[in-house]
Amino acid sequence: MVKKENKLERIIIPCTRFYQNNTMMFTGTIKLSQLVELNTKVDQFKAKDINKPEILGYQRAAEPRRAKKFGEYISQGATSPTSILLSIRDKDTKLYAEVIEFESETKDGIVIRDSDHVEISIDPECLVYVVDGQHRLEGIDTCDVYGKLADFAIPFTLLWGNDKYQEANQFVVINKTQKIVRTDLAERFVALESKRRGLTNVSNDPNQAIFKNAEWIGSALDILDSLTKKSKLWSNRVKLPNEPKGETTVSQKSFTDSLEILLTDSLNGKKECDVVDILESFWEAIKENCPQPFDVTGQYSAKDYALQQTIGVMSMHRVLNRLYKNLWKVIKPKHFVELLNADEVANHENWDRTILIKDSDAKGGKWTLMGTNHKSFRIIEGNIMRGLMKTKIYKQLEKEQEESN
């Protein structure tokens, strides 16, 4: 960690003011010896703050190895032309930072300074949020920023007077739209914005690519958060952003993606609490028929089975959707145990990732060898449904469904 040398003096940064759609921003370069003196902060997402949107952050934790590599990279004489994105929020622009303006200057009819060439004066107490570039900032902590690299200049763009939500919007644009990176944090941002601004407003947002799943993603996250709290089967099984992998078996993104078909099709319009109850009963029924992947004695490991991984949640939630579509008038959670009592679900070897395949280096069971794309999920769903449709209870419910028409 770099020890700051200039703890009391304001930092003065020459830069250029510019506007986009009436929004004022600044751009320029800043020396590393000045950059480390700024009171920078990364607004990180923390799972414990999920129910506190006023303090919930929007960024992943920095990866120390990646940050260290950047420090080593520039210390070896390399360059870094890419701009970092900083932000001074509205409150701090009024208290701890100011724009110093100058009159235009001309010489022999040539403009040598116009009114948009300004200086930003930043107090040591001013929080400067790092919207994009946290690995570069963390990486320079290992560099000789007051010696060899003191004059190394980093390009920057500075947002002025934005709030957290506007910053988060820029973060998602950079990391999801421009870099085509799909992140669990982007889902959280979309969900929060949908609640804060309303679905109609975010659906009409100019950055439509970001909000294309706004219709269901907020509900999916609420359902996931409730399920992981209520169901022992899903407690500590879903990896949330910035949380250690631990005993988790599936990412937040995979789980919420698996809920899309339910929330936009057979369970569309149901209360979130009712969907949580249905999912809890459904997975308890899966466990009753196929207990090995859920074993807690140590004899079996959940990580050896695809049932609570992407393949399992995507395929089984498609099965649940089909059951509710086919039997929507008569199906109840109390029917799940009997409905799922078919070899396609109950045979744990179908889901086992560790089974050795004869005369091959491959490992896996019937379903785990099919792949992790949507075509594979549809095939697995179809095969499982053919098995369930042979059960006595399915035939009985199908008959009741027909008689109710």
Protein backbone atom coordinates (compact mmCIF):
# COMPACT_ATOMS: atom_id res chain seq x y z
CA MET A 1 0.00 0.00 0.00
CA VAL A 2 1.39 3.40 -1.01
CA LYS A 3 1.90 5.76 1.91
CA LYS A 4 0.47 9.15 0.99
CA GLU A 5 2.90 12.05 1.23
CA ASN A 6 0.51 14.95 0.59
CA LYS A 7 -2.25 14.48 3.18
CA LEU A 8 -3.43 18.06 3.70
CA GLU A 9 -3.07 19.99 0.45
CA ARG A 10 -5.72 20.18 -2.23
CA ILE A 11 -4.93 18.45 -5.50
CA ILE A 12 -5.08 20.73 -8.56
CA ILE A 13 -5.66 18.94 -11.87
CA PRO A 14 -5.63 20.77 -15.23
CA CYS A 15 -8.24 19.32 -17.58
CA THR A 16 -10.73 20.07 -20.32
CA ARG A 17 -14.44 20.51 -19.68
CA PHE A 18 -16.86 19.04 -22.21
CA TYR A 19 -20.57 18.34 -22.54
CA GLN A 20 -22.67 15.43 -23.82
CA ASN A 21 -26.44 16.01 -23.99
CA ASN A 22 -26.11 18.89 -21.49
CA THR A 23 -24.13 16.72 -19.07
CA MET A 24 -20.86 18.27 -17.93
CA MET A 25 -17.75 16.10 -17.66
CA PHE A 26 -13.99 16.57 -17.64
CA THR A 27 -11.09 14.82 -19.29
CA GLY A 28 -7.35 15.02 -18.93
CA THR A 29 -4.35 13.21 -17.51
CA ILE A 30 -3.22 12.83 -13.93
CA LYS A 31 0.24 11.88 -12.67
CA LEU A 32 0.47 8.75 -10.52
CA SER A 33 1.99 10.82 -7.71
CA GLN A 34 -1.25 12.87 -7.70
CA LEU A 35 -3.62 9.98 -8.35
CA VAL A 36 -2.58 8.09 -5.22
CA GLU A 37 -3.23 11.22 -3.14
CA LEU A 38 -6.90 11.29 -4.09
CA ASN A 39 -9.41 9.84 -1.63
CA THR A 40 -10.58 7.16 -4.05
CA LYS A 41 -13.27 4.57 -3.35
CA VAL A 42 -14.74 1.62 -5.23
CA ASP A 43 -18.47 1.19 -4.52
CA GLN A 44 -18.48 -2.59 -4.13
CA PHE A 45 -21.52 -4.85 -4.06
CA LYS A 46 -21.86 -6.68 -0.72
CA ALA A 47 -24.42 -9.44 -0.31
CA LYS A 48 -25.18 -8.36 3.27
CA ASP A 49 -26.54 -5.06 1.89
CA ILE A 50 -29.05 -6.60 -0.55
CA ASN A 51 -32.01 -5.19 1.40
CA LYS A 52 -30.39 -1.75 1.78
CA PRO A 53 -30.50 -0.19 -1.70
CA GLU A 54 -29.34 3.17 -0.36
CA ILE A 55 -25.90 1.72 0.46
CA LEU A 56 -25.76 -1.27 -1.91
CA GLY A 57 -22.78 -1.00 -4.24
CA TYR A 58 -22.56 -2.09 -7.85
CA GLN A 59 -19.01 -3.31 -8.52
CA ARG A 60 -17.14 -6.57 -8.10
CA ALA A 61 -14.20 -6.80 -5.74
CA ALA A 62 -10.86 -6.30 -7.48
CA GLU A 63 -8.85 -9.41 -8.35
CA PRO A 64 -5.48 -8.94 -6.58
CA ARG A 65 -3.57 -10.97 -9.16
CA ARG A 66 -4.94 -8.91 -12.05
CA ALA A 67 -4.18 -5.65 -10.21
CA LYS A 68 -0.65 -6.78 -9.40
CA LYS A 69 0.00 -7.62 -13.05
CA PHE A 70 -0.89 -4.05 -14.07
CA GLY A 71 1.57 -2.61 -11.55
CA GLU A 72 4.31 -4.90 -12.82
CA TYR A 73 3.37 -4.06 -16.41
CA ILE A 74 3.89 -0.30 -16.14
CA SER A 75 6.89 -0.69 -13.83
CA GLN A 76 8.65 -2.54 -16.66
CA GLY A 77 8.33 0.46 -18.97
CA ALA A 78 4.99 -0.32 -20.65
CA THR A 79 2.29 2.27 -21.42
CA SER A 80 -1.42 2.39 -20.49
CA PRO A 81 -3.34 4.70 -22.86
CA THR A 82 -6.82 3.63 -21.78
CA SER A 83 -8.74 6.18 -19.71
CA ILE A 84 -10.03 5.47 -16.21
CA LEU A 85 -13.50 6.72 -15.25
CA LEU A 86 -13.79 8.68 -12.01
CA SER A 87 -16.75 10.39 -10.37
CA ILE A 88 -17.25 13.11 -7.79
CA ARG A 89 -20.82 12.88 -6.57
CA ASP A 90 -23.16 15.84 -6.23
CA LYS A 91 -22.71 16.34 -2.48
CA ASP A 92 -18.93 16.43 -2.70
CA THR A 93 -18.89 18.84 -5.65
CA LYS A 94 -20.58 21.35 -3.36
CA LEU A 95 -18.38 20.76 -0.33
CA TYR A 96 -14.96 19.49 -1.33
CA ALA A 97 -14.29 20.18 -5.01
CA GLU A 98 -14.52 23.12 -7.34
CA VAL A 99 -13.93 24.08 -10.96
CA ILE A 100 -11.42 26.89 -11.42
CA GLU A 101 -12.18 28.76 -14.63
CA PHE A 102 -9.98 31.04 -16.73
CA GLU A 103 -10.71 33.63 -19.36
CA SER A 104 -10.02 32.77 -22.97
CA GLU A 105 -6.61 33.82 -24.21
CA THR A 106 -5.56 34.57 -27.76
CA LYS A 107 -2.23 35.45 -29.32
CA ASP A 108 -1.95 36.84 -32.84
CA GLY A 109 -5.57 35.84 -33.40
CA ILE A 110 -4.97 32.25 -32.35
CA VAL A 111 -6.79 30.84 -29.31
CA ILE A 112 -4.18 29.47 -26.91
CA ARG A 113 -6.62 28.86 -24.06
CA ASP A 114 -10.39 28.72 -24.25
CA SER A 115 -12.89 28.85 -21.40
CA ASP A 116 -13.20 25.06 -21.22
CA HIS A 117 -9.57 24.61 -20.25
CA VAL A 118 -10.05 24.56 -16.49
CA GLU A 119 -8.57 23.19 -13.29
CA ILE A 120 -10.30 20.93 -10.79
CA SER A 121 -9.40 21.62 -7.17
CA ILE A 122 -10.02 18.58 -4.94
CA ASP A 123 -9.91 18.60 -1.15
CA PRO A 124 -8.27 15.60 0.62
CA GLU A 125 -11.68 14.77 2.18
CA CYS A 126 -13.42 14.58 -1.20
CA LEU A 127 -14.51 11.08 -2.16
CA VAL A 128 -13.54 10.25 -5.73
CA TYR A 129 -15.37 7.12 -6.88
CA VAL A 130 -13.64 4.76 -9.30
CA VAL A 131 -16.31 3.73 -11.82
CA ASP A 132 -13.97 1.94 -14.21
CA GLY A 133 -10.29 1.24 -13.65
CA GLN A 134 -10.14 -0.19 -10.13
CA HIS A 135 -7.56 -2.84 -11.09
CA ARG A 136 -5.25 -0.15 -12.46
CA LEU A 137 -5.60 1.94 -9.30
CA GLU A 138 -5.03 -1.02 -7.01
CA GLY A 139 -2.12 -2.14 -9.17
CA ILE A 140 -0.18 1.11 -8.77
CA ASP A 141 -0.07 0.53 -5.00
CA THR A 142 2.96 -1.68 -5.67
CA CYS A 143 4.68 0.89 -7.90
CA ASP A 144 7.29 3.55 -7.17
CA VAL A 145 4.76 6.37 -7.60
CA TYR A 146 6.88 9.00 -5.83
CA GLY A 147 10.06 8.06 -7.64
CA LYS A 148 10.52 6.35 -10.99
CA LEU A 149 6.81 6.59 -11.95
CA ALA A 150 5.96 9.91 -10.30
CA ASP A 151 5.35 11.62 -13.66
CA PHE A 152 3.64 8.64 -15.31
CA ALA A 153 0.37 10.15 -16.59
CA ILE A 154 -2.91 8.22 -16.65
CA PRO A 155 -5.76 9.48 -18.88
CA PHE A 156 -9.02 10.01 -17.05
CA THR A 157 -12.61 11.07 -17.56
CA LEU A 158 -14.36 12.63 -14.57
CA LEU A 159 -18.12 12.52 -14.00
CA TRP A 160 -19.31 15.60 -12.09
CA GLY A 161 -22.32 15.80 -9.80
CA ASN A 162 -23.73 12.36 -10.60
CA ASP A 163 -25.38 10.09 -8.06
CA LYS A 164 -24.69 6.40 -7.41
CA TYR A 165 -27.34 5.23 -9.87
CA GLN A 166 -25.93 7.31 -12.72
CA GLU A 167 -22.47 5.94 -11.94
CA ALA A 168 -23.81 2.38 -11.91
CA ASN A 169 -25.48 3.00 -15.26
CA GLN A 170 -22.12 4.00 -16.75
CA PHE A 171 -20.45 0.96 -15.14
CA VAL A 172 -22.96 -1.41 -16.72
CA VAL A 173 -22.72 0.31 -20.12
CA ILE A 174 -18.95 -0.15 -20.08
CA ASN A 175 -18.91 -3.71 -18.78
CA LYS A 176 -22.01 -5.13 -20.45
CA THR A 177 -22.64 -3.21 -23.66
CA GLN A 178 -19.22 -2.11 -24.86
CA LYS A 179 -17.21 -5.09 -23.59
CA ILE A 180 -20.13 -7.51 -23.99
CA VAL A 181 -19.60 -8.82 -20.46
CA ARG A 182 -22.64 -10.35 -18.78
CA THR A 183 -22.32 -9.91 -15.03
CA ASP A 184 -24.34 -10.90 -12.00
CA LEU A 185 -23.86 -7.33 -10.82
CA ALA A 186 -25.56 -6.05 -13.98
CA GLU A 187 -28.64 -8.07 -12.99
CA ARG A 188 -28.68 -6.47 -9.54
CA PHE A 189 -28.37 -3.02 -11.09
CA VAL A 190 -31.22 -3.65 -13.55
CA ALA A 191 -33.43 -4.94 -10.73
CA LEU A 192 -32.73 -1.93 -8.51
CA GLU A 193 -33.28 0.52 -11.34
CA SER A 194 -36.57 -1.16 -12.27
CA LYS A 195 -37.81 -0.69 -8.72
CA ARG A 196 -36.45 2.83 -8.38
CA ARG A 197 -37.56 4.22 -11.75
CA GLY A 198 -40.42 1.89 -12.65
CA LEU A 199 -40.54 -0.76 -15.36
CA THR A 200 -41.98 1.60 -17.99
CA ASN A 201 -39.17 4.12 -17.54
CA VAL A 202 -36.33 1.61 -17.71
CA SER A 203 -37.95 -0.11 -20.70
CA ASN A 204 -37.76 3.22 -22.53
CA ASP A 205 -34.19 3.91 -21.42
CA PRO A 206 -31.80 4.79 -24.28
CA ASN A 207 -29.56 1.90 -23.13
CA GLN A 208 -32.20 -0.69 -23.99
CA ALA A 209 -29.65 -3.50 -24.26
CA ILE A 210 -29.04 -3.22 -20.53
CA PHE A 211 -32.70 -3.32 -19.54
CA LYS A 212 -33.99 -5.91 -22.01
CA ASN A 213 -34.67 -8.42 -19.18
CA ALA A 214 -36.10 -5.86 -16.78
CA GLU A 215 -39.59 -7.37 -17.08
CA TRP A 216 -38.62 -10.48 -15.13
CA ILE A 217 -35.10 -10.11 -13.69
CA GLY A 218 -36.22 -8.19 -10.58
CA SER A 219 -38.72 -10.91 -9.68
CA ALA A 220 -36.16 -13.62 -10.42
CA LEU A 221 -33.67 -12.07 -8.00
CA ASP A 222 -36.29 -11.55 -5.29
CA ILE A 223 -37.39 -15.17 -5.68
CA LEU A 224 -33.79 -16.39 -5.58
CA ASP A 225 -32.99 -14.36 -2.46
CA SER A 226 -36.13 -15.63 -0.71
CA LEU A 227 -35.53 -19.24 -1.75
CA THR A 228 -31.95 -19.29 -0.49
CA LYS A 229 -33.15 -17.99 2.87
CA LYS A 230 -36.15 -20.31 3.17
CA SER A 231 -34.94 -23.57 1.64
CA LYS A 232 -32.23 -25.61 3.31
CA LEU A 233 -31.55 -27.25 -0.05
CA TRP A 234 -30.53 -23.92 -1.60
CA SER A 235 -28.84 -22.27 1.36
CA ASN A 236 -25.20 -21.59 0.39
CA ARG A 237 -25.67 -23.24 -3.01
CA VAL A 238 -25.97 -20.11 -5.21
CA LYS A 239 -22.86 -17.99 -5.68
CA LEU A 240 -23.71 -14.30 -5.31
CA PRO A 241 -21.44 -11.51 -6.61
CA ASN A 242 -18.27 -10.94 -4.58
CA GLU A 243 -19.01 -13.92 -2.34
CA PRO A 244 -16.55 -16.84 -1.99
CA LYS A 245 -17.36 -19.96 -3.99
CA GLY A 246 -17.38 -22.16 -0.88
CA GLU A 247 -20.03 -24.88 -1.17
CA THR A 248 -21.92 -23.12 -3.96
CA THR A 249 -22.81 -25.15 -7.04
CA VAL A 250 -24.41 -22.64 -9.41
CA SER A 251 -24.01 -18.95 -10.18
CA GLN A 252 -26.68 -16.33 -9.57
CA LYS A 253 -26.79 -15.73 -13.34
CA SER A 254 -27.47 -19.37 -14.20
CA PHE A 255 -30.19 -19.66 -11.57
CA THR A 256 -32.02 -16.48 -12.57
CA ASP A 257 -31.74 -17.45 -16.24
CA SER A 258 -33.41 -20.76 -15.37
CA LEU A 259 -36.36 -18.88 -13.84
CA GLU A 260 -37.03 -16.82 -16.97
CA ILE A 261 -39.17 -19.48 -18.65
CA LEU A 262 -41.32 -19.86 -15.52
CA LEU A 263 -41.77 -16.13 -14.93
CA THR A 264 -42.61 -15.35 -18.55
CA ASP A 265 -44.73 -18.45 -19.20
CA SER A 266 -46.57 -20.85 -16.89
CA LEU A 267 -46.07 -18.98 -13.61
CA ASN A 268 -46.38 -15.50 -15.09
CA GLY A 269 -48.68 -13.42 -12.89
CA LYS A 270 -48.27 -15.52 -9.75
CA LYS A 271 -47.15 -13.80 -6.57
CA GLU A 272 -43.44 -14.09 -5.89
CA CYS A 273 -44.08 -15.75 -2.53
CA ASP A 274 -46.20 -18.41 -4.26
CA VAL A 275 -43.45 -19.07 -6.82
CA VAL A 276 -40.97 -19.49 -3.96
CA ASP A 277 -43.28 -22.04 -2.31
CA ILE A 278 -43.68 -23.93 -5.59
CA LEU A 279 -39.92 -24.03 -6.16
CA GLU A 280 -39.23 -25.14 -2.59
CA SER A 281 -41.76 -27.99 -2.87
CA PHE A 282 -40.46 -28.95 -6.31
CA TRP A 283 -36.86 -29.28 -5.16
CA GLU A 284 -37.85 -31.09 -1.97
CA ALA A 285 -39.67 -33.59 -4.19
CA ILE A 286 -36.57 -33.96 -6.38
CA LYS A 287 -34.52 -34.66 -3.26
CA GLU A 288 -37.02 -37.25 -2.00
CA ASN A 289 -36.75 -39.15 -5.28
CA CYS A 290 -33.02 -38.58 -5.84
CA PRO A 291 -31.39 -37.99 -2.43
CA GLN A 292 -27.72 -38.62 -3.27
CA PRO A 293 -26.91 -35.17 -4.77
CA PHE A 294 -28.32 -33.52 -1.64
CA ASP A 295 -26.47 -35.73 0.86
CA VAL A 296 -24.97 -33.90 3.85
CA THR A 297 -23.32 -36.89 5.55
CA GLY A 298 -20.24 -36.76 3.35
CA GLN A 299 -20.94 -39.99 1.48
CA TYR A 300 -21.85 -38.02 -1.65
CA SER A 301 -20.96 -34.50 -2.79
CA ALA A 302 -23.34 -32.02 -4.41
CA LYS A 303 -20.45 -30.81 -6.57
CA ASP A 304 -20.18 -34.25 -8.17
CA TYR A 305 -23.71 -33.96 -9.50
CA ALA A 306 -25.15 -31.61 -12.11
CA LEU A 307 -28.56 -31.49 -10.44
CA GLN A 308 -27.95 -28.23 -8.54
CA GLN A 309 -25.66 -26.89 -11.25
CA THR A 310 -26.51 -25.12 -14.50
CA ILE A 311 -27.62 -28.29 -16.30
CA GLY A 312 -29.95 -29.27 -13.46
CA VAL A 313 -31.63 -25.94 -12.75
CA MET A 314 -32.08 -25.08 -16.43
CA SER A 315 -33.48 -28.49 -17.33
CA MET A 316 -35.63 -29.09 -14.25
CA HIS A 317 -37.17 -25.62 -14.32
CA ARG A 318 -38.10 -26.25 -17.94
CA VAL A 319 -39.73 -29.50 -16.76
CA LEU A 320 -41.61 -27.59 -14.05
CA ASN A 321 -42.81 -25.13 -16.67
CA ARG A 322 -44.08 -27.96 -18.88
CA LEU A 323 -45.91 -29.57 -15.98
CA TYR A 324 -47.73 -26.34 -15.18
CA LYS A 325 -48.49 -25.68 -18.84
CA ASN A 326 -49.90 -29.16 -19.42
CA LEU A 327 -51.72 -29.55 -16.10
CA TRP A 328 -52.34 -25.93 -15.11
CA LYS A 329 -55.88 -26.46 -13.84
CA VAL A 330 -55.18 -29.43 -11.58
CA ILE A 331 -51.50 -29.58 -10.61
CA LYS A 332 -50.54 -28.83 -7.00
CA PRO A 333 -47.20 -28.98 -5.17
CA LYS A 334 -48.51 -32.02 -3.29
CA HIS A 335 -48.31 -33.96 -6.59
CA PHE A 336 -44.60 -33.30 -7.15
CA VAL A 337 -43.21 -36.31 -5.27
CA GLU A 338 -45.27 -38.80 -7.28
CA LEU A 339 -44.79 -36.93 -10.56
CA LEU A 340 -41.01 -36.97 -10.23
CA ASN A 341 -40.84 -40.64 -9.28
CA ALA A 342 -39.40 -41.65 -12.64
CA ASP A 343 -35.96 -43.04 -13.47
CA GLU A 344 -35.14 -39.99 -15.60
CA VAL A 345 -35.11 -37.88 -12.41
CA ALA A 346 -34.60 -40.42 -9.63
CA ASN A 347 -31.56 -42.27 -11.01
CA HIS A 348 -28.68 -40.28 -9.52
CA GLU A 349 -26.24 -41.68 -12.09
CA ASN A 350 -27.99 -39.60 -14.77
CA TRP A 351 -26.70 -36.49 -12.96
CA ASP A 352 -23.30 -37.85 -11.85
CA ARG A 353 -20.28 -36.05 -13.31
CA THR A 354 -17.73 -38.59 -12.05
CA ILE A 355 -18.82 -41.83 -13.76
CA LEU A 356 -16.08 -43.21 -16.00
CA ILE A 357 -17.16 -43.85 -19.58
CA LYS A 358 -15.94 -47.20 -20.92
CA ASP A 359 -13.21 -46.95 -23.57
CA SER A 360 -13.08 -43.18 -23.18
CA ASP A 361 -11.38 -40.47 -21.15
CA ALA A 362 -14.73 -38.76 -20.64
CA LYS A 363 -16.68 -38.78 -17.39
CA GLY A 364 -20.35 -38.19 -16.74
CA GLY A 365 -23.88 -39.49 -16.58
CA LYS A 366 -26.69 -39.48 -19.10
CA TRP A 367 -27.59 -35.81 -18.66
CA THR A 368 -24.17 -34.37 -17.79
CA LEU A 369 -22.68 -35.47 -21.12
CA MET A 370 -25.23 -33.55 -23.16
CA GLY A 371 -23.63 -30.13 -22.78
CA THR A 372 -24.62 -26.80 -21.24
CA ASN A 373 -26.39 -25.00 -24.07
CA HIS A 374 -30.09 -24.29 -24.49
CA LYS A 375 -30.50 -27.01 -27.09
CA SER A 376 -29.16 -29.55 -24.57
CA PHE A 377 -31.52 -28.27 -21.88
CA ARG A 378 -34.50 -28.69 -24.21
CA ILE A 379 -33.44 -32.24 -25.08
CA ILE A 380 -33.03 -33.18 -21.41
CA GLU A 381 -36.42 -31.61 -20.64
CA GLY A 382 -38.07 -33.62 -23.40
CA ASN A 383 -36.53 -36.89 -22.25
CA ILE A 384 -37.50 -36.30 -18.64
CA MET A 385 -41.05 -35.30 -19.58
CA ARG A 386 -41.52 -38.50 -21.55
CA GLY A 387 -40.66 -40.41 -18.39
CA LEU A 388 -42.96 -38.35 -16.17
CA MET A 389 -45.88 -38.72 -18.58
CA LYS A 390 -45.76 -42.48 -18.04
CA THR A 391 -46.37 -42.17 -14.30
CA LYS A 392 -49.76 -43.08 -12.87
CA ILE A 393 -50.24 -39.67 -11.25
CA TYR A 394 -49.50 -37.80 -14.49
CA LYS A 395 -52.08 -39.83 -16.38
CA GLN A 396 -54.60 -39.24 -13.60
CA LEU A 397 -53.99 -35.47 -13.58
CA GLU A 398 -54.08 -35.35 -17.37
CA LYS A 399 -57.52 -36.98 -17.29
CA GLU A 400 -58.74 -34.49 -14.66
CA GLN A 401 -57.40 -31.65 -16.79
CA GLU A 402 -59.33 -32.88 -19.82
CA GLU A 403 -62.53 -33.35 -17.83
CA SER A 404 -62.31 -29.79 -16.49
CA ASN A 405 -62.29 -28.31 -19.99
